[in-house]
Every structure is written in structure tokens, then in C-alpha cells.
C-alpha atoms as a PDB file:
ATOM      1  CA  MET A   1     -40.209  -8.749  -4.990  1.00  0.00           C
ATOM      2  CA  LEU A   2     -37.691 -11.169  -6.071  1.00  0.00           C
ATOM      3  CA  VAL A   3     -37.184  -9.502  -9.586  1.00  0.00           C
ATOM      4  CA  ILE A   4     -36.531  -6.220  -7.742  1.00  0.00           C
ATOM      5  CA  LYS A   5     -34.084  -7.577  -5.468  1.00  0.00           C
ATOM      6  CA  LYS A   6     -32.168  -9.257  -8.147  1.00  0.00           C
ATOM      7  CA  TYR A   7     -32.146  -5.939 -10.168  1.00  0.00           C
ATOM      8  CA  PHE A   8     -30.988  -4.164  -6.955  1.00  0.00           C
ATOM      9  CA  ASN A   9     -28.181  -6.455  -6.369  1.00  0.00           C
ATOM     10  CA  PHE A  10     -27.037  -6.313 -10.036  1.00  0.00           C
ATOM     11  CA  VAL A  11     -26.938  -2.550 -10.003  1.00  0.00           C
ATOM     12  CA  ILE A  12     -24.854  -2.512  -6.773  1.00  0.00           C
ATOM     13  CA  ILE A  13     -22.409  -4.829  -8.430  1.00  0.00           C
ATOM     14  CA  ILE A  14     -22.161  -2.780 -11.372  1.00  0.00           C
ATOM     15  CA  LEU A  15     -21.683   0.387  -9.164  1.00  0.00           C
ATOM     16  CA  LEU A  16     -18.996  -1.303  -7.276  1.00  0.00           C
ATOM     17  CA  LEU A  17     -17.023  -2.624 -10.385  1.00  0.00           C
ATOM     18  CA  THR A  18     -17.260   0.856 -12.031  1.00  0.00           C
ATOM     19  CA  SER A  19     -16.123   2.784  -9.081  1.00  0.00           C
ATOM     20  CA  ASN A  20     -12.975   0.496  -8.709  1.00  0.00           C
ATOM     21  CA  TYR A  21     -12.485   0.631 -12.449  1.00  0.00           C
ATOM     22  CA  CYS A  22     -12.496   4.565 -12.563  1.00  0.00           C
ATOM     23  CA  TYR A  23      -9.981   4.352  -9.781  1.00  0.00           C
ATOM     24  CA  SER A  24      -7.651   2.063 -11.433  1.00  0.00           C
ATOM     25  CA  ASP A  25      -8.029   3.855 -14.923  1.00  0.00           C
ATOM     26  CA  ASN A  26      -7.448   7.268 -13.358  1.00  0.00           C
ATOM     27  CA  LEU A  27      -4.246   5.880 -11.972  1.00  0.00           C
ATOM     28  CA  ASN A  28      -3.196   4.258 -15.099  1.00  0.00           C
ATOM     29  CA  ILE A  29      -3.591   7.739 -16.959  1.00  0.00           C
ATOM     30  CA  LEU A  30      -1.503   9.344 -14.242  1.00  0.00           C
ATOM     31  CA  PHE A  31       1.287   6.910 -14.176  1.00  0.00           C
ATOM     32  CA  GLU A  32       1.407   7.046 -18.046  1.00  0.00           C
ATOM     33  CA  LYS A  33       1.778  10.790 -17.737  1.00  0.00           C
ATOM     34  CA  LEU A  34       4.191  10.549 -14.904  1.00  0.00           C
ATOM     35  CA  PHE A  35       6.475   8.266 -16.946  1.00  0.00           C
ATOM     36  CA  ASN A  36       6.326  10.568 -19.957  1.00  0.00           C
ATOM     37  CA  ALA A  37       6.917  13.741 -17.848  1.00  0.00           C
ATOM     38  CA  LYS A  38       9.296  16.283 -19.180  1.00  0.00           C
ATOM     39  CA  ASN A  39      10.229  18.317 -16.289  1.00  0.00           C
ATOM     40  CA  ILE A  40      10.291  17.884 -12.427  1.00  0.00           C
ATOM     41  CA  GLN A  41       7.495  20.335 -11.844  1.00  0.00           C
ATOM     42  CA  LYS A  42       5.068  18.443 -14.045  1.00  0.00           C
ATOM     43  CA  ALA A  43       6.403  15.060 -12.558  1.00  0.00           C
ATOM     44  CA  LYS A  44       5.868  16.462  -9.004  1.00  0.00           C
ATOM     45  CA  GLN A  45       2.353  17.606  -9.772  1.00  0.00           C
ATOM     46  CA  LEU A  46       1.561  14.057 -11.098  1.00  0.00           C
ATOM     47  CA  GLU A  47       3.407  12.438  -8.010  1.00  0.00           C
ATOM     48  CA  ASP A  48       1.012  14.293  -5.777  1.00  0.00           C
ATOM     49  CA  GLU A  49      -2.095  13.502  -7.960  1.00  0.00           C
ATOM     50  CA  ILE A  50      -0.961   9.772  -7.552  1.00  0.00           C
ATOM     51  CA  TRP A  51      -0.489  10.110  -3.798  1.00  0.00           C
ATOM     52  CA  ASN A  52      -3.859  11.719  -3.378  1.00  0.00           C
ATOM     53  CA  ASN A  53      -5.352   8.616  -5.246  1.00  0.00           C
ATOM     54  CA  TRP A  54      -3.368   6.106  -2.987  1.00  0.00           C
ATOM     55  CA  THR A  55      -4.513   7.732   0.061  1.00  0.00           C
ATOM     56  CA  LYS A  56      -8.047   7.986  -0.445  1.00  0.00           C
ATOM     57  CA  HIS A  57      -9.799   4.696  -0.312  1.00  0.00           C
ATOM     58  CA  PRO A  58     -11.788   4.111  -3.575  1.00  0.00           C
ATOM     59  CA  ASN A  59     -15.296   3.577  -1.908  1.00  0.00           C
ATOM     60  CA  ASN A  60     -14.936   3.949   1.953  1.00  0.00           C
ATOM     61  CA  ASP A  61     -14.329   7.300   3.277  1.00  0.00           C
ATOM     62  CA  TYR A  62     -14.243   6.033   6.722  1.00  0.00           C
ATOM     63  CA  LEU A  63     -11.191   4.273   5.939  1.00  0.00           C
ATOM     64  CA  THR A  64      -9.595   7.199   4.357  1.00  0.00           C
ATOM     65  CA  ASN A  65     -10.247   9.165   7.525  1.00  0.00           C
ATOM     66  CA  LYS A  66      -8.740   6.528   9.608  1.00  0.00           C
ATOM     67  CA  LEU A  67      -5.719   6.417   7.307  1.00  0.00           C
ATOM     68  CA  GLU A  68      -5.381  10.253   7.738  1.00  0.00           C
ATOM     69  CA  ASN A  69      -5.740   9.888  11.397  1.00  0.00           C
ATOM     70  CA  GLY A  70      -3.090   7.343  11.612  1.00  0.00           C
ATOM     71  CA  THR A  71      -0.805   9.388   9.332  1.00  0.00           C
ATOM     72  CA  TYR A  72      -1.412  12.462  11.626  1.00  0.00           C
ATOM     73  CA  SER A  73      -0.666  10.514  14.751  1.00  0.00           C
ATOM     74  CA  MET A  74       2.768   9.117  13.174  1.00  0.00           C
ATOM     75  CA  TYR A  75       3.776  12.553  12.384  1.00  0.00           C
ATOM     76  CA  GLN A  76       2.869  13.679  15.949  1.00  0.00           C
ATOM     77  CA  GLN A  77       5.103  10.567  17.228  1.00  0.00           C
ATOM     78  CA  GLN A  78       2.195   9.094  18.661  1.00  0.00           C
ATOM     79  CA  TYR A  79       3.385   5.801  17.287  1.00  0.00           C
ATOM     80  CA  ARG A  80       1.155   3.372  19.451  1.00  0.00           C
ATOM     81  CA  ILE A  81      -2.066   5.105  18.180  1.00  0.00           C
ATOM     82  CA  ALA A  82      -0.787   5.236  14.546  1.00  0.00           C
ATOM     83  CA  LEU A  83       0.031   1.539  14.611  1.00  0.00           C
ATOM     84  CA  LYS A  84      -3.466   0.736  15.691  1.00  0.00           C
ATOM     85  CA  LEU A  85      -4.976   2.752  13.254  1.00  0.00           C
ATOM     86  CA  PHE A  86      -2.983   1.433  10.300  1.00  0.00           C
ATOM     87  CA  THR A  87      -3.562  -2.203  11.688  1.00  0.00           C
ATOM     88  CA  ASP A  88      -7.382  -1.513  11.523  1.00  0.00           C
ATOM     89  CA  VAL A  89      -7.307  -0.071   8.120  1.00  0.00           C
ATOM     90  CA  ILE A  90      -5.424  -3.274   7.112  1.00  0.00           C
ATOM     91  CA  ASN A  91      -7.928  -5.562   8.910  1.00  0.00           C
ATOM     92  CA  GLU A  92     -10.823  -3.721   7.392  1.00  0.00           C
ATOM     93  CA  ASP A  93      -9.562  -3.736   3.772  1.00  0.00           C
ATOM     94  CA  PRO A  94      -6.391  -5.813   3.258  1.00  0.00           C
ATOM     95  CA  LYS A  95      -6.677  -5.146  -0.471  1.00  0.00           C
ATOM     96  CA  TRP A  96      -5.836  -1.304  -0.053  1.00  0.00           C
ATOM     97  CA  ALA A  97      -2.210  -1.027  -0.548  1.00  0.00           C
ATOM     98  CA  GLU A  98      -1.950   2.230   1.303  1.00  0.00           C
ATOM     99  CA  GLY A  99      -2.914   0.877   4.620  1.00  0.00           C
ATOM    100  CA  TRP A 100       0.217  -1.538   4.354  1.00  0.00           C
ATOM    101  CA  ASN A 101       2.431   1.391   3.006  1.00  0.00           C
ATOM    102  CA  LYS A 102       1.662   3.716   5.842  1.00  0.00           C
ATOM    103  CA  ARG A 103       2.119   0.945   8.521  1.00  0.00           C
ATOM    104  CA  ALA A 104       5.373  -0.076   6.760  1.00  0.00           C
ATOM    105  CA  THR A 105       6.569   3.292   7.092  1.00  0.00           C
ATOM    106  CA  LEU A 106       5.800   3.508  10.612  1.00  0.00           C
ATOM    107  CA  LEU A 107       7.650   0.179  11.181  1.00  0.00           C
ATOM    108  CA  PHE A 108      10.527   1.593   9.434  1.00  0.00           C
ATOM    109  CA  ILE A 109      10.492   4.597  11.770  1.00  0.00           C
ATOM    110  CA  LEU A 110      10.284   2.285  14.980  1.00  0.00           C
ATOM    111  CA  GLY A 111      13.267   0.511  13.432  1.00  0.00           C
ATOM    112  CA  ASP A 112      11.349  -2.872  12.720  1.00  0.00           C
ATOM    113  CA  TYR A 113      13.007  -3.470   9.490  1.00  0.00           C
ATOM    114  CA  GLU A 114      11.870  -7.033   8.997  1.00  0.00           C
ATOM    115  CA  LYS A 115       8.051  -6.350   9.616  1.00  0.00           C
ATOM    116  CA  SER A 116       8.227  -3.182   7.389  1.00  0.00           C
ATOM    117  CA  LEU A 117       9.750  -5.192   4.748  1.00  0.00           C
ATOM    118  CA  ASP A 118       6.927  -7.691   4.957  1.00  0.00           C
ATOM    119  CA  ASP A 119       4.574  -4.909   4.841  1.00  0.00           C
ATOM    120  CA  ILE A 120       6.194  -3.384   1.728  1.00  0.00           C
ATOM    121  CA  ASP A 121       6.058  -6.876  -0.031  1.00  0.00           C
ATOM    122  CA  LYS A 122       2.135  -6.613   0.470  1.00  0.00           C
ATOM    123  CA  VAL A 123       2.097  -3.153  -0.817  1.00  0.00           C
ATOM    124  CA  LEU A 124       3.953  -4.147  -3.949  1.00  0.00           C
ATOM    125  CA  ASP A 125       1.790  -7.326  -4.409  1.00  0.00           C
ATOM    126  CA  LEU A 126      -1.220  -5.040  -4.505  1.00  0.00           C
ATOM    127  CA  GLU A 127       0.284  -2.047  -6.431  1.00  0.00           C
ATOM    128  CA  PRO A 128       3.577  -3.029  -8.173  1.00  0.00           C
ATOM    129  CA  ARG A 129       4.122   0.492  -9.292  1.00  0.00           C
ATOM    130  CA  HIS A 130       4.373   1.828  -5.793  1.00  0.00           C
ATOM    131  CA  PHE A 131       7.432   3.924  -6.304  1.00  0.00           C
ATOM    132  CA  GLY A 132       7.263   5.259  -2.632  1.00  0.00           C
ATOM    133  CA  ALA A 133       7.191   1.548  -1.441  1.00  0.00           C
ATOM    134  CA  LEU A 134      10.216   0.690  -3.599  1.00  0.00           C
ATOM    135  CA  SER A 135      12.019   3.834  -2.540  1.00  0.00           C
ATOM    136  CA  GLY A 136      11.351   3.068   1.058  1.00  0.00           C
ATOM    137  CA  ARG A 137      12.468  -0.408   0.736  1.00  0.00           C
ATOM    138  CA  ALA A 138      15.719   0.758  -0.841  1.00  0.00           C
ATOM    139  CA  GLN A 139      16.213   2.954   2.390  1.00  0.00           C
ATOM    140  CA  ILE A 140      15.827  -0.072   4.574  1.00  0.00           C
ATOM    141  CA  TYR A 141      18.242  -1.937   2.393  1.00  0.00           C
ATOM    142  CA  LEU A 142      20.701   0.920   2.657  1.00  0.00           C
ATOM    143  CA  SER A 143      20.241   0.767   6.632  1.00  0.00           C
ATOM    144  CA  LEU A 144      21.100  -2.911   6.381  1.00  0.00           C
ATOM    145  CA  LYS A 145      24.104  -2.309   3.808  1.00  0.00           C
ATOM    146  CA  GLU A 146      22.482  -4.411   1.258  1.00  0.00           C
ATOM    147  CA  TYR A 147      23.359  -1.995  -1.332  1.00  0.00           C
ATOM    148  CA  GLU A 148      22.698  -4.210  -4.398  1.00  0.00           C
ATOM    149  CA  LYS A 149      19.011  -4.760  -3.312  1.00  0.00           C
ATOM    150  CA  ALA A 150      18.756  -0.977  -2.650  1.00  0.00           C
ATOM    151  CA  VAL A 151      19.908  -0.178  -6.157  1.00  0.00           C
ATOM    152  CA  ASP A 152      17.606  -2.705  -7.665  1.00  0.00           C
ATOM    153  CA  ASP A 153      14.652  -1.038  -5.930  1.00  0.00           C
ATOM    154  CA  LEU A 154      15.700   2.468  -6.884  1.00  0.00           C
ATOM    155  CA  ARG A 155      16.128   1.329 -10.487  1.00  0.00           C
ATOM    156  CA  LYS A 156      12.632  -0.394 -10.314  1.00  0.00           C
ATOM    157  CA  ALA A 157      11.240   3.114  -9.093  1.00  0.00           C
ATOM    158  CA  LYS A 158      13.112   5.130 -11.600  1.00  0.00           C
ATOM    159  CA  SER A 159      11.626   2.683 -14.388  1.00  0.00           C
ATOM    160  CA  ILE A 160       8.166   3.751 -13.024  1.00  0.00           C
ATOM    161  CA  TYR A 161       8.855   7.371 -12.373  1.00  0.00           C
ATOM    162  CA  PRO A 162      12.088   8.569 -14.452  1.00  0.00           C
ATOM    163  CA  LEU A 163      12.464  11.903 -12.596  1.00  0.00           C
ATOM    164  CA  ILE A 164      12.102  10.364  -9.025  1.00  0.00           C
ATOM    165  CA  LYS A 165      14.270  12.419  -6.683  1.00  0.00           C
ATOM    166  CA  SER A 166      15.703   9.085  -5.077  1.00  0.00           C
ATOM    167  CA  GLY A 167      16.968   8.005  -8.386  1.00  0.00           C
ATOM    168  CA  VAL A 168      20.166  10.338  -8.089  1.00  0.00           C
ATOM    169  CA  ASN A 169      21.266   8.057  -5.453  1.00  0.00           C
ATOM    170  CA  ILE A 170      21.660   5.034  -7.775  1.00  0.00           C
ATOM    171  CA  LYS A 171      25.318   6.266  -8.889  1.00  0.00           C
ATOM    172  CA  LEU A 172      26.199   6.919  -5.213  1.00  0.00           C
ATOM    173  CA  ILE A 173      25.232   3.372  -4.084  1.00  0.00           C
ATOM    174  CA  GLU A 174      27.014   1.931  -7.123  1.00  0.00           C
ATOM    175  CA  LYS A 175      30.171   3.741  -6.185  1.00  0.00           C
ATOM    176  CA  ILE A 176      29.923   2.282  -2.527  1.00  0.00           C
ATOM    177  CA  ILE A 177      29.465  -1.174  -4.089  1.00  0.00           C
ATOM    178  CA  LYS A 178      32.370  -0.798  -6.289  1.00  0.00           C
ATOM    179  CA  ASP A 179      34.612   0.535  -3.355  1.00  0.00           C
ATOM    180  CA  GLN A 180      33.636  -2.565  -1.364  1.00  0.00           C
ATOM    181  CA  GLN A 181      34.960  -4.738  -4.149  1.00  0.00           C
ATOM    182  CA  ILE A 182      38.254  -3.301  -4.302  1.00  0.00           C
END
């Protein structure tokens, strides 16, 4: 019986490691393709695939559903419900970047920039390639008139996703910075 239990535990560990590895490996391939995309249509398709990966928990459908419900609530302006759902997701799996990202988005909508920035820091600790979090943080910095920080984040996002739409704002913000220095 002890041998069977050890074997069972070994199989479970291998399955968990393998499922997370495939999740990460798939994202790595998508990011490589995104970086090398030659046109907007292909880049947008890859962006959508990356978002689909980010918004699906690698091994817990319940958390995926909870995140979807929170997102729906946020879009329906049911902010208290959304905040509770996103916070529950974070408490249940603090290593899933997208729980932090959705809550950061909600906090931005609510005007709580400080807490949103804190959550974005967590997102980027867990997924440094999260171009959505970088673009979101740039938006906050623009709202706070911290233009240099906004440009830095947009450049980082563009280094990951060269055809990102928000990249066009870099020159506009640089002009604002230049005009302020005059």
C-alpha cells in the first residue's frame, strides 16, 4: 500500500508539473511569434491567443469561471461584486497573474490608482511580459502626469509586442515631455 501511495503521489506531481510546463511553453511560443509578427492582423490574432491563455487558469476551471464572472460584473458596472470575485481569485491562487491584472483594471476604473499600481506590480512580478499591465500602468501614469514613466512602460510593452496599438502614443507623450521642458 505504501508503494502505491508513493507512486500515486509521484504521478500527481508529474502531471502538475507537466500541465504548468505546457502552459508556459505555449505562451513562450506565442510571445516569440508575437514579437516576430509582420502585420497587425497576425499580431492581433496572437494577442488574442495570449489573452486566452492568461484568462484561463492552467489547472483550475473554477477559478477561470470566477474570473470570467468578475469580468462580466465589472463590465456591467457591478463593481463591488467584481472586486469581491477578483479578490477571491487572488486569495485562492496568488500566483495567477490575471487575477491581479483584472483587479488592477477594476481599481483603475474606480480611480484608486495607488492600489491599481500595487496590483500591476504583482502582475509584472508574475508575468513580466504582460503588455496589458504595462499599457494599463502607462495609462495611470498619464493620468498622474508622470509622462516619463508612461513612456518607459509603453516602450517596454512595445519591446514585447512591437505592433501594439498603444505604442503609437510614445511620440505624442514625448512631445508633451519636450513641450514641458521649454
